[in-house]
Amino acid sequence: MNVRSQDADKRVDSPRQEPRLPPGQVQTQKWPVLHYGSVPRVDLAKWSLRVDGLVEHPLQWSWPEFQALPRLQVISDIHCVTRWSRYDNRWEGVSLKEVLRRAVPKAAARFAVIHAAQGFTTNLPISELEQDDVLLADKHDGEPLTPDHGWPLRLVAPRRYFWKSAKWIERIELVERDAPGFWERNGYHNEADPWREERFSDW
């Protein structure tokens, strides 16, 4: 569905699973703040987003350059591994599909390592990042993200538990082999599918 809006060039409604509430989850109207470590201080004059690794065209955008990219609005649910879910979140930002289209993944690229501030990483298959409702978001429900929720930029991957939607994104590295990130190395499930309750690893 393509709908013009004031801030976004395109709108996508994330597909809903049935039942809408994954097993073991409780719906909430609140948006709890959860992260490991402190909230980083970001200077937008020095901020950049890099896309590199197994790509034909390594890219780097400053904040103004990133803001000039085509905009996407996504309506999606959040499912946190700590058992709360929040419906109908309105995100705005730039589609991951658009970012990857510009970088052109090489044939050997199969996975992405998402690098965030303070050395945090998470991992996802490129096939997941190419879904229409996956984006790099800088707004939530019509307002800029707060620092607690990942300002200036966070990943939003609606089909996975919310820890995969890493905050404070700085780099997307495409790789051939999967590389589990911070939480995945510390006991969380590598796939993180809420409808399969893939909360914790069996490793």
N, C-alpha and C. Protein backbone atom coordinates (compact mmCIF):
# COMPACT_ATOMS: atom_id res chain seq x y z
N MET A 1 0.85 -1.19 0.00
CA MET A 1 0.00 0.00 0.00
C MET A 1 0.88 1.24 0.00
N ASN A 2 0.72 2.12 -0.97
CA ASN A 2 1.49 3.34 -1.05
C ASN A 2 0.59 4.53 -0.73
N VAL A 3 0.87 5.20 0.37
CA VAL A 3 0.07 6.34 0.79
C VAL A 3 1.00 7.51 1.06
N ARG A 4 0.73 8.64 0.44
CA ARG A 4 1.54 9.81 0.70
C ARG A 4 1.25 10.35 2.10
N SER A 5 2.27 10.81 2.81
CA SER A 5 2.09 11.46 4.10
C SER A 5 2.98 12.69 4.15
N GLN A 6 2.84 13.47 5.18
CA GLN A 6 3.59 14.72 5.27
C GLN A 6 5.09 14.47 5.31
N ASP A 7 5.53 13.43 6.03
CA ASP A 7 6.94 13.21 6.25
C ASP A 7 7.51 12.04 5.46
N ALA A 8 6.67 11.12 5.01
CA ALA A 8 7.17 9.90 4.36
C ALA A 8 6.71 9.84 2.92
N ASP A 9 7.55 9.27 2.06
CA ASP A 9 7.21 9.08 0.66
C ASP A 9 6.30 7.87 0.46
N LYS A 10 6.33 6.93 1.38
CA LYS A 10 5.61 5.67 1.23
C LYS A 10 5.24 5.13 2.60
N ARG A 11 4.11 4.42 2.67
CA ARG A 11 3.70 3.78 3.91
C ARG A 11 3.53 2.28 3.68
N VAL A 12 3.98 1.50 4.67
CA VAL A 12 3.83 0.05 4.65
C VAL A 12 3.23 -0.40 5.97
N ASP A 13 2.19 -1.20 5.92
CA ASP A 13 1.66 -1.84 7.12
C ASP A 13 2.31 -3.21 7.25
N SER A 14 2.99 -3.44 8.36
CA SER A 14 3.65 -4.72 8.57
C SER A 14 2.62 -5.84 8.62
N PRO A 15 2.85 -6.95 7.91
CA PRO A 15 1.89 -8.06 7.95
C PRO A 15 1.68 -8.57 9.37
N ARG A 16 0.44 -8.90 9.71
CA ARG A 16 0.13 -9.41 11.05
C ARG A 16 0.06 -10.93 11.03
N GLN A 17 0.67 -11.52 12.04
CA GLN A 17 0.53 -12.95 12.25
C GLN A 17 -0.81 -13.22 12.94
N GLU A 18 -1.26 -14.44 12.88
CA GLU A 18 -2.45 -14.87 13.61
C GLU A 18 -2.10 -16.04 14.50
N PRO A 19 -2.31 -15.97 15.80
CA PRO A 19 -2.88 -14.83 16.50
C PRO A 19 -1.92 -13.65 16.53
N ARG A 20 -2.48 -12.45 16.70
CA ARG A 20 -1.64 -11.25 16.66
C ARG A 20 -0.67 -11.19 17.83
N LEU A 21 -1.11 -11.65 19.01
CA LEU A 21 -0.25 -11.64 20.19
C LEU A 21 0.51 -12.96 20.25
N PRO A 22 1.84 -12.92 20.16
CA PRO A 22 2.62 -14.16 20.21
C PRO A 22 2.48 -14.87 21.56
N PRO A 23 2.77 -16.16 21.61
CA PRO A 23 2.65 -16.90 22.87
C PRO A 23 3.55 -16.32 23.95
N GLY A 24 3.01 -16.27 25.17
CA GLY A 24 3.79 -15.80 26.31
C GLY A 24 3.87 -14.31 26.45
N GLN A 25 3.21 -13.54 25.55
CA GLN A 25 3.28 -12.08 25.57
C GLN A 25 2.04 -11.46 26.22
N VAL A 26 2.18 -10.23 26.72
CA VAL A 26 1.09 -9.45 27.28
C VAL A 26 1.08 -8.10 26.60
N GLN A 27 -0.10 -7.68 26.11
CA GLN A 27 -0.18 -6.39 25.43
C GLN A 27 -0.09 -5.24 26.43
N THR A 28 0.62 -4.16 26.04
CA THR A 28 0.72 -2.97 26.87
C THR A 28 0.58 -1.73 26.00
N GLN A 29 0.12 -0.64 26.60
CA GLN A 29 0.07 0.65 25.93
C GLN A 29 1.37 1.43 26.14
N LYS A 30 2.16 1.00 27.12
CA LYS A 30 3.39 1.70 27.44
C LYS A 30 4.50 1.27 26.49
N TRP A 31 5.62 1.99 26.56
CA TRP A 31 6.80 1.61 25.79
C TRP A 31 7.99 1.58 26.75
N PRO A 32 8.20 0.45 27.41
CA PRO A 32 9.29 0.36 28.40
C PRO A 32 10.66 0.63 27.77
N VAL A 33 11.55 1.19 28.57
CA VAL A 33 12.92 1.46 28.13
C VAL A 33 13.82 0.34 28.64
N LEU A 34 14.44 -0.37 27.72
CA LEU A 34 15.32 -1.48 28.09
C LEU A 34 16.58 -1.42 27.22
N HIS A 35 17.72 -1.45 27.83
CA HIS A 35 18.98 -1.56 27.11
C HIS A 35 20.09 -1.90 28.09
N TYR A 36 21.21 -2.33 27.55
CA TYR A 36 22.38 -2.66 28.36
C TYR A 36 23.34 -1.48 28.32
N GLY A 37 23.81 -1.05 29.49
CA GLY A 37 24.75 0.05 29.54
C GLY A 37 24.07 1.40 29.52
N SER A 38 24.86 2.45 29.36
CA SER A 38 24.35 3.82 29.42
C SER A 38 23.85 4.27 28.05
N VAL A 39 23.10 5.37 28.06
CA VAL A 39 22.61 5.97 26.82
C VAL A 39 23.73 6.84 26.24
N PRO A 40 24.17 6.55 25.02
CA PRO A 40 25.29 7.33 24.45
C PRO A 40 24.87 8.76 24.13
N ARG A 41 25.84 9.65 24.20
CA ARG A 41 25.63 11.03 23.76
C ARG A 41 26.11 11.13 22.31
N VAL A 42 25.25 11.63 21.44
CA VAL A 42 25.54 11.64 20.02
C VAL A 42 25.61 13.08 19.53
N ASP A 43 26.68 13.41 18.84
CA ASP A 43 26.85 14.71 18.18
C ASP A 43 26.52 14.52 16.71
N LEU A 44 25.39 15.08 16.26
CA LEU A 44 24.97 14.87 14.88
C LEU A 44 25.97 15.44 13.87
N ALA A 45 26.74 16.43 14.28
CA ALA A 45 27.75 16.99 13.37
C ALA A 45 28.85 15.98 13.06
N LYS A 46 29.03 14.99 13.95
CA LYS A 46 30.06 13.97 13.76
C LYS A 46 29.47 12.61 13.40
N TRP A 47 28.17 12.49 13.50
CA TRP A 47 27.51 11.20 13.28
C TRP A 47 27.59 10.81 11.80
N SER A 48 27.69 9.50 11.56
CA SER A 48 27.57 8.99 10.19
C SER A 48 27.06 7.56 10.25
N LEU A 49 26.50 7.12 9.14
CA LEU A 49 26.08 5.73 8.97
C LEU A 49 26.89 5.14 7.82
N ARG A 50 27.55 4.01 8.09
CA ARG A 50 28.33 3.33 7.07
C ARG A 50 27.66 2.02 6.67
N VAL A 51 27.77 1.68 5.41
CA VAL A 51 27.36 0.37 4.91
C VAL A 51 28.57 -0.19 4.16
N ASP A 52 29.11 -1.31 4.64
CA ASP A 52 30.33 -1.83 4.05
C ASP A 52 30.38 -3.35 4.18
N GLY A 53 31.55 -3.91 4.07
CA GLY A 53 31.68 -5.36 4.04
C GLY A 53 31.55 -5.86 2.61
N LEU A 54 30.74 -6.89 2.40
CA LEU A 54 30.59 -7.50 1.09
C LEU A 54 29.56 -6.75 0.25
N VAL A 55 29.93 -5.52 -0.15
CA VAL A 55 29.08 -4.70 -1.00
C VAL A 55 29.90 -4.17 -2.17
N GLU A 56 29.23 -3.92 -3.27
CA GLU A 56 29.91 -3.35 -4.44
C GLU A 56 30.24 -1.88 -4.23
N HIS A 57 29.40 -1.19 -3.47
CA HIS A 57 29.57 0.25 -3.29
C HIS A 57 29.51 0.60 -1.80
N PRO A 58 30.63 0.55 -1.09
CA PRO A 58 30.63 0.99 0.32
C PRO A 58 30.12 2.43 0.40
N LEU A 59 29.27 2.68 1.37
CA LEU A 59 28.61 3.98 1.48
C LEU A 59 28.77 4.56 2.88
N GLN A 60 28.71 5.88 2.95
CA GLN A 60 28.70 6.57 4.23
C GLN A 60 27.87 7.84 4.09
N TRP A 61 26.92 8.03 5.01
CA TRP A 61 26.07 9.20 4.99
C TRP A 61 26.25 10.02 6.26
N SER A 62 26.33 11.31 6.13
CA SER A 62 26.20 12.20 7.27
C SER A 62 24.72 12.29 7.63
N TRP A 63 24.41 12.95 8.75
CA TRP A 63 23.00 13.09 9.14
C TRP A 63 22.19 13.83 8.07
N PRO A 64 22.63 14.99 7.56
CA PRO A 64 21.84 15.64 6.50
C PRO A 64 21.70 14.78 5.25
N GLU A 65 22.74 14.05 4.88
CA GLU A 65 22.66 13.18 3.70
C GLU A 65 21.68 12.05 3.92
N PHE A 66 21.69 11.48 5.12
CA PHE A 66 20.74 10.40 5.42
C PHE A 66 19.31 10.91 5.39
N GLN A 67 19.08 12.11 5.92
CA GLN A 67 17.74 12.68 5.93
C GLN A 67 17.21 12.96 4.53
N ALA A 68 18.10 13.09 3.56
CA ALA A 68 17.69 13.36 2.18
C ALA A 68 17.28 12.11 1.42
N LEU A 69 17.49 10.92 1.99
CA LEU A 69 17.10 9.69 1.32
C LEU A 69 15.58 9.54 1.31
N PRO A 70 15.04 8.74 0.39
CA PRO A 70 13.58 8.52 0.37
C PRO A 70 13.09 8.00 1.71
N ARG A 71 11.95 8.55 2.15
CA ARG A 71 11.42 8.25 3.48
C ARG A 71 10.32 7.19 3.41
N LEU A 72 10.25 6.39 4.48
CA LEU A 72 9.25 5.33 4.60
C LEU A 72 8.57 5.42 5.96
N GLN A 73 7.26 5.20 5.96
CA GLN A 73 6.51 5.06 7.22
C GLN A 73 6.04 3.61 7.32
N VAL A 74 6.25 3.01 8.50
CA VAL A 74 5.85 1.62 8.74
C VAL A 74 4.99 1.56 9.99
N ILE A 75 3.86 0.87 9.90
CA ILE A 75 3.02 0.58 11.06
C ILE A 75 3.28 -0.86 11.45
N SER A 76 3.77 -1.08 12.68
CA SER A 76 4.11 -2.45 13.09
C SER A 76 3.93 -2.62 14.59
N ASP A 77 3.88 -3.87 15.01
CA ASP A 77 3.84 -4.21 16.42
C ASP A 77 5.26 -4.44 16.94
N ILE A 78 5.42 -4.28 18.25
CA ILE A 78 6.68 -4.59 18.95
C ILE A 78 6.43 -5.80 19.83
N HIS A 79 7.36 -6.75 19.82
CA HIS A 79 7.29 -7.90 20.72
C HIS A 79 8.63 -8.02 21.44
N CYS A 80 8.67 -7.70 22.71
CA CYS A 80 9.91 -7.73 23.48
C CYS A 80 10.09 -9.10 24.14
N VAL A 81 11.32 -9.56 24.19
CA VAL A 81 11.61 -10.85 24.81
C VAL A 81 11.24 -10.88 26.28
N THR A 82 11.11 -9.70 26.92
CA THR A 82 10.70 -9.64 28.33
C THR A 82 9.19 -9.76 28.51
N ARG A 83 8.48 -10.12 27.41
CA ARG A 83 7.09 -10.58 27.42
C ARG A 83 6.04 -9.47 27.28
N TRP A 84 6.42 -8.26 26.87
CA TRP A 84 5.40 -7.27 26.55
C TRP A 84 5.35 -7.04 25.04
N SER A 85 4.15 -6.71 24.57
CA SER A 85 3.94 -6.37 23.16
C SER A 85 3.18 -5.05 23.09
N ARG A 86 3.53 -4.23 22.11
CA ARG A 86 2.87 -2.94 21.90
C ARG A 86 2.43 -2.87 20.44
N TYR A 87 1.12 -2.63 20.23
CA TYR A 87 0.56 -2.66 18.89
C TYR A 87 0.66 -1.31 18.18
N ASP A 88 0.64 -1.37 16.84
CA ASP A 88 0.43 -0.21 15.96
C ASP A 88 1.39 0.94 16.20
N ASN A 89 2.68 0.64 16.27
CA ASN A 89 3.71 1.67 16.34
C ASN A 89 3.91 2.27 14.96
N ARG A 90 4.00 3.58 14.90
CA ARG A 90 4.19 4.28 13.63
C ARG A 90 5.63 4.78 13.55
N TRP A 91 6.41 4.12 12.73
CA TRP A 91 7.82 4.45 12.55
C TRP A 91 8.02 5.26 11.28
N GLU A 92 9.03 6.12 11.29
CA GLU A 92 9.44 6.81 10.06
C GLU A 92 10.95 6.76 9.95
N GLY A 93 11.42 6.59 8.72
CA GLY A 93 12.86 6.53 8.50
C GLY A 93 13.15 6.14 7.07
N VAL A 94 14.16 5.31 6.89
CA VAL A 94 14.62 4.91 5.55
C VAL A 94 14.59 3.38 5.47
N SER A 95 14.04 2.87 4.40
CA SER A 95 13.93 1.44 4.19
C SER A 95 15.31 0.79 4.09
N LEU A 96 15.48 -0.36 4.76
CA LEU A 96 16.72 -1.12 4.60
C LEU A 96 16.87 -1.62 3.17
N LYS A 97 15.76 -1.93 2.53
CA LYS A 97 15.83 -2.36 1.14
C LYS A 97 16.44 -1.26 0.27
N GLU A 98 16.08 -0.01 0.54
CA GLU A 98 16.64 1.11 -0.20
C GLU A 98 18.14 1.26 0.05
N VAL A 99 18.55 1.11 1.31
CA VAL A 99 19.97 1.20 1.66
C VAL A 99 20.76 0.11 0.95
N LEU A 100 20.25 -1.13 0.99
CA LEU A 100 20.96 -2.24 0.35
C LEU A 100 20.96 -2.11 -1.17
N ARG A 101 19.90 -1.57 -1.72
CA ARG A 101 19.85 -1.36 -3.17
C ARG A 101 20.98 -0.44 -3.62
N ARG A 102 21.26 0.58 -2.84
CA ARG A 102 22.31 1.53 -3.19
C ARG A 102 23.70 0.93 -2.98
N ALA A 103 23.86 0.09 -1.96
CA ALA A 103 25.17 -0.49 -1.67
C ALA A 103 25.49 -1.68 -2.57
N VAL A 104 24.47 -2.40 -3.03
CA VAL A 104 24.58 -3.58 -3.91
C VAL A 104 25.38 -4.71 -3.22
N PRO A 105 24.69 -5.57 -2.48
CA PRO A 105 25.38 -6.69 -1.84
C PRO A 105 26.06 -7.59 -2.87
N LYS A 106 27.24 -8.07 -2.53
CA LYS A 106 27.94 -9.03 -3.38
C LYS A 106 27.26 -10.40 -3.27
N ALA A 107 27.55 -11.26 -4.24
CA ALA A 107 26.89 -12.57 -4.29
C ALA A 107 27.15 -13.40 -3.04
N ALA A 108 28.31 -13.22 -2.43
CA ALA A 108 28.66 -14.02 -1.24
C ALA A 108 27.99 -13.51 0.03
N ALA A 109 27.42 -12.33 0.01
CA ALA A 109 26.83 -11.75 1.22
C ALA A 109 25.55 -12.48 1.59
N ARG A 110 25.46 -12.96 2.82
CA ARG A 110 24.28 -13.68 3.29
C ARG A 110 23.70 -13.09 4.58
N PHE A 111 24.53 -12.42 5.36
CA PHE A 111 24.11 -11.92 6.66
C PHE A 111 24.58 -10.48 6.84
N ALA A 112 23.99 -9.82 7.83
CA ALA A 112 24.42 -8.48 8.21
C ALA A 112 24.74 -8.45 9.69
N VAL A 113 25.81 -7.76 10.01
CA VAL A 113 26.12 -7.42 11.40
C VAL A 113 25.77 -5.95 11.57
N ILE A 114 24.88 -5.68 12.50
CA ILE A 114 24.44 -4.32 12.77
C ILE A 114 25.28 -3.79 13.92
N HIS A 115 26.06 -2.76 13.65
CA HIS A 115 26.94 -2.17 14.66
C HIS A 115 26.29 -0.92 15.24
N ALA A 116 26.28 -0.82 16.55
CA ALA A 116 25.69 0.33 17.24
C ALA A 116 26.72 0.96 18.16
N ALA A 117 26.33 2.05 18.79
CA ALA A 117 27.23 2.75 19.70
C ALA A 117 27.71 1.84 20.81
N GLN A 118 28.88 2.15 21.34
CA GLN A 118 29.48 1.46 22.49
C GLN A 118 29.80 -0.01 22.20
N GLY A 119 30.02 -0.33 20.93
CA GLY A 119 30.46 -1.67 20.56
C GLY A 119 29.37 -2.72 20.49
N PHE A 120 28.10 -2.34 20.63
CA PHE A 120 27.00 -3.30 20.58
C PHE A 120 26.78 -3.78 19.15
N THR A 121 26.48 -5.06 18.99
CA THR A 121 26.13 -5.60 17.67
C THR A 121 24.94 -6.55 17.80
N THR A 122 24.23 -6.71 16.69
CA THR A 122 23.27 -7.79 16.53
C THR A 122 23.37 -8.27 15.10
N ASN A 123 22.72 -9.37 14.76
CA ASN A 123 22.88 -10.00 13.47
C ASN A 123 21.55 -10.43 12.89
N LEU A 124 21.44 -10.34 11.57
CA LEU A 124 20.23 -10.77 10.87
C LEU A 124 20.61 -11.23 9.46
N PRO A 125 19.84 -12.16 8.91
CA PRO A 125 20.04 -12.50 7.49
C PRO A 125 19.69 -11.31 6.60
N ILE A 126 20.39 -11.18 5.49
CA ILE A 126 20.06 -10.11 4.55
C ILE A 126 18.63 -10.26 4.05
N SER A 127 18.16 -11.49 3.91
CA SER A 127 16.79 -11.71 3.46
C SER A 127 15.77 -11.07 4.39
N GLU A 128 16.10 -10.99 5.68
CA GLU A 128 15.21 -10.32 6.63
C GLU A 128 15.25 -8.81 6.45
N LEU A 129 16.44 -8.27 6.23
CA LEU A 129 16.57 -6.82 6.07
C LEU A 129 15.91 -6.33 4.79
N GLU A 130 15.71 -7.21 3.83
CA GLU A 130 15.09 -6.82 2.57
C GLU A 130 13.56 -6.88 2.60
N GLN A 131 12.98 -7.21 3.75
CA GLN A 131 11.52 -7.17 3.87
C GLN A 131 11.04 -5.72 3.79
N ASP A 132 9.85 -5.54 3.23
CA ASP A 132 9.34 -4.19 2.98
C ASP A 132 9.14 -3.35 4.24
N ASP A 133 8.94 -4.00 5.39
CA ASP A 133 8.63 -3.26 6.63
C ASP A 133 9.84 -3.11 7.55
N VAL A 134 11.03 -3.40 7.09
CA VAL A 134 12.24 -3.23 7.90
C VAL A 134 12.86 -1.89 7.53
N LEU A 135 13.15 -1.07 8.54
CA LEU A 135 13.68 0.25 8.25
C LEU A 135 14.65 0.72 9.33
N LEU A 136 15.38 1.77 8.99
CA LEU A 136 16.19 2.52 9.94
C LEU A 136 15.35 3.72 10.35
N ALA A 137 14.89 3.72 11.59
CA ALA A 137 13.90 4.71 12.04
C ALA A 137 14.54 5.82 12.85
N ASP A 138 14.04 7.05 12.60
CA ASP A 138 14.42 8.19 13.43
C ASP A 138 13.22 8.85 14.09
N LYS A 139 12.00 8.36 13.76
CA LYS A 139 10.78 8.88 14.37
C LYS A 139 9.90 7.72 14.84
N HIS A 140 9.12 7.99 15.89
CA HIS A 140 8.15 7.03 16.41
C HIS A 140 6.89 7.78 16.78
N ASP A 141 5.76 7.33 16.23
CA ASP A 141 4.47 7.97 16.48
C ASP A 141 4.51 9.48 16.26
N GLY A 142 5.17 9.88 15.19
CA GLY A 142 5.18 11.27 14.76
C GLY A 142 6.20 12.17 15.41
N GLU A 143 6.99 11.62 16.35
CA GLU A 143 7.97 12.43 17.07
C GLU A 143 9.36 11.82 16.88
N PRO A 144 10.41 12.67 16.93
CA PRO A 144 11.77 12.10 16.88
C PRO A 144 11.98 11.11 18.02
N LEU A 145 12.69 10.05 17.74
CA LEU A 145 13.04 9.11 18.81
C LEU A 145 13.72 9.85 19.96
N THR A 146 13.48 9.40 21.17
CA THR A 146 14.23 9.92 22.31
C THR A 146 15.55 9.16 22.41
N PRO A 147 16.55 9.73 23.07
CA PRO A 147 17.81 8.99 23.24
C PRO A 147 17.62 7.62 23.88
N ASP A 148 16.71 7.50 24.86
CA ASP A 148 16.46 6.21 25.51
C ASP A 148 15.97 5.15 24.53
N HIS A 149 15.29 5.59 23.49
CA HIS A 149 14.72 4.64 22.53
C HIS A 149 15.53 4.56 21.24
N GLY A 150 16.76 5.09 21.25
CA GLY A 150 17.64 4.83 20.13
C GLY A 150 18.01 6.01 19.25
N TRP A 151 17.57 7.24 19.61
CA TRP A 151 17.95 8.40 18.80
C TRP A 151 19.46 8.48 18.68
N PRO A 152 19.98 8.81 17.51
CA PRO A 152 19.23 9.33 16.35
C PRO A 152 18.68 8.28 15.40
N LEU A 153 19.13 7.02 15.50
CA LEU A 153 18.71 6.04 14.51
C LEU A 153 18.71 4.64 15.11
N ARG A 154 17.61 3.92 14.87
CA ARG A 154 17.54 2.54 15.31
C ARG A 154 17.00 1.66 14.19
N LEU A 155 17.36 0.41 14.22
CA LEU A 155 16.80 -0.58 13.32
C LEU A 155 15.42 -0.98 13.83
N VAL A 156 14.49 -1.24 12.91
CA VAL A 156 13.19 -1.81 13.25
C VAL A 156 12.98 -3.03 12.37
N ALA A 157 12.97 -4.21 12.99
CA ALA A 157 12.77 -5.49 12.30
C ALA A 157 11.55 -6.16 12.93
N PRO A 158 10.33 -5.87 12.45
CA PRO A 158 9.11 -6.25 13.16
C PRO A 158 8.89 -7.74 13.38
N ARG A 159 9.47 -8.61 12.55
CA ARG A 159 9.21 -10.04 12.67
C ARG A 159 10.04 -10.72 13.76
N ARG A 160 10.93 -10.01 14.38
CA ARG A 160 11.83 -10.59 15.38
C ARG A 160 11.58 -9.94 16.74
N TYR A 161 11.97 -10.66 17.81
CA TYR A 161 11.94 -10.01 19.12
C TYR A 161 12.71 -8.70 19.05
N PHE A 162 12.31 -7.77 19.88
CA PHE A 162 12.72 -6.38 19.71
C PHE A 162 14.20 -6.12 19.99
N TRP A 163 14.90 -7.06 20.64
CA TRP A 163 16.33 -6.79 20.83
C TRP A 163 17.08 -6.77 19.50
N LYS A 164 16.51 -7.43 18.47
CA LYS A 164 17.13 -7.38 17.15
C LYS A 164 17.02 -5.98 16.53
N SER A 165 16.09 -5.18 16.99
CA SER A 165 15.91 -3.81 16.49
C SER A 165 16.85 -2.87 17.25
N ALA A 166 18.12 -3.00 16.97
CA ALA A 166 19.16 -2.34 17.76
C ALA A 166 19.05 -0.82 17.72
N LYS A 167 19.39 -0.20 18.84
CA LYS A 167 19.40 1.26 18.97
C LYS A 167 20.76 1.82 18.56
N TRP A 168 20.77 3.12 18.27
CA TRP A 168 22.01 3.90 18.08
C TRP A 168 22.89 3.32 16.97
N ILE A 169 22.28 3.05 15.82
CA ILE A 169 22.97 2.39 14.72
C ILE A 169 24.04 3.29 14.11
N GLU A 170 25.19 2.69 13.81
CA GLU A 170 26.29 3.42 13.18
C GLU A 170 26.83 2.75 11.92
N ARG A 171 26.62 1.44 11.79
CA ARG A 171 27.23 0.73 10.68
C ARG A 171 26.45 -0.54 10.38
N ILE A 172 26.36 -0.88 9.10
CA ILE A 172 25.78 -2.14 8.65
C ILE A 172 26.86 -2.84 7.83
N GLU A 173 27.30 -3.99 8.30
CA GLU A 173 28.39 -4.73 7.67
C GLU A 173 27.82 -6.03 7.08
N LEU A 174 27.96 -6.21 5.78
CA LEU A 174 27.49 -7.43 5.15
C LEU A 174 28.60 -8.47 5.14
N VAL A 175 28.25 -9.70 5.52
CA VAL A 175 29.23 -10.76 5.69
C VAL A 175 28.71 -12.05 5.06
N GLU A 176 29.60 -13.00 4.86
CA GLU A 176 29.22 -14.28 4.26
C GLU A 176 28.63 -15.23 5.29
N ARG A 177 29.21 -15.23 6.50
CA ARG A 177 28.79 -16.18 7.54
C ARG A 177 28.18 -15.43 8.71
N ASP A 178 27.21 -16.06 9.33
CA ASP A 178 26.51 -15.45 10.45
C ASP A 178 27.49 -15.15 11.60
N ALA A 179 27.27 -14.04 12.27
CA ALA A 179 28.14 -13.61 13.37
C ALA A 179 27.27 -13.13 14.52
N PRO A 180 26.89 -14.02 15.45
CA PRO A 180 26.01 -13.63 16.55
C PRO A 180 26.51 -12.39 17.28
N GLY A 181 25.55 -11.54 17.67
CA GLY A 181 25.87 -10.27 18.31
C GLY A 181 25.92 -10.38 19.83
N PHE A 182 25.80 -9.24 20.49
CA PHE A 182 25.98 -9.17 21.95
C PHE A 182 25.01 -10.08 22.69
N TRP A 183 23.71 -9.90 22.48
CA TRP A 183 22.73 -10.69 23.21
C TRP A 183 22.74 -12.14 22.75
N GLU A 184 23.00 -12.36 21.47
CA GLU A 184 23.04 -13.72 20.95
C GLU A 184 24.21 -14.51 21.56
N ARG A 185 25.30 -13.83 21.86
CA ARG A 185 26.43 -14.50 22.50
C ARG A 185 26.22 -14.67 24.00
N ASN A 186 25.19 -14.02 24.53
CA ASN A 186 24.95 -14.07 25.97
C ASN A 186 23.63 -14.74 26.31
N GLY A 187 23.27 -15.75 25.51
CA GLY A 187 22.17 -16.62 25.90
C GLY A 187 20.86 -16.42 25.17
N TYR A 188 20.75 -15.37 24.32
CA TYR A 188 19.50 -15.17 23.59
C TYR A 188 19.54 -15.96 22.28
N HIS A 189 18.36 -16.32 21.79
CA HIS A 189 18.24 -17.15 20.59
C HIS A 189 18.72 -16.39 19.36
N ASN A 190 19.39 -17.06 18.47
CA ASN A 190 19.93 -16.39 17.28
C ASN A 190 18.85 -15.95 16.32
N GLU A 191 17.72 -16.68 16.25
CA GLU A 191 16.68 -16.37 15.26
C GLU A 191 15.65 -15.37 15.79
N ALA A 192 15.22 -15.54 17.04
CA ALA A 192 14.36 -14.55 17.73
C ALA A 192 12.98 -14.39 17.11
N ASP A 193 12.36 -15.50 16.72
CA ASP A 193 11.00 -15.47 16.18
C ASP A 193 10.00 -15.49 17.34
N PRO A 194 9.20 -14.41 17.53
CA PRO A 194 8.28 -14.38 18.67
C PRO A 194 7.21 -15.46 18.63
N TRP A 195 6.76 -15.85 17.44
CA TRP A 195 5.67 -16.84 17.35
C TRP A 195 6.16 -18.26 17.61
N ARG A 196 7.46 -18.45 17.59
CA ARG A 196 8.04 -19.73 17.99
C ARG A 196 8.64 -19.65 19.38
N GLU A 197 8.48 -18.53 20.04
CA GLU A 197 9.04 -18.27 21.37
C GLU A 197 10.55 -18.58 21.41
N GLU A 198 11.24 -18.08 20.40
CA GLU A 198 12.70 -18.28 20.34
C GLU A 198 13.38 -17.19 21.17
N ARG A 199 13.23 -17.34 22.49
CA ARG A 199 13.75 -16.35 23.42
C ARG A 199 15.21 -16.60 23.77
N PHE A 200 15.50 -17.86 24.09
CA PHE A 200 16.82 -18.18 24.62
C PHE A 200 17.46 -19.30 23.81
N SER A 201 18.79 -19.30 23.80
CA SER A 201 19.54 -20.24 23.01
C SER A 201 19.61 -21.60 23.71
N ASP A 202 19.71 -22.65 22.90
CA ASP A 202 19.94 -24.00 23.42
C ASP A 202 21.43 -24.37 23.43
N TRP A 203 22.28 -23.40 23.03
CA TRP A 203 23.71 -23.69 22.97
C TRP A 203 24.25 -23.95 24.34
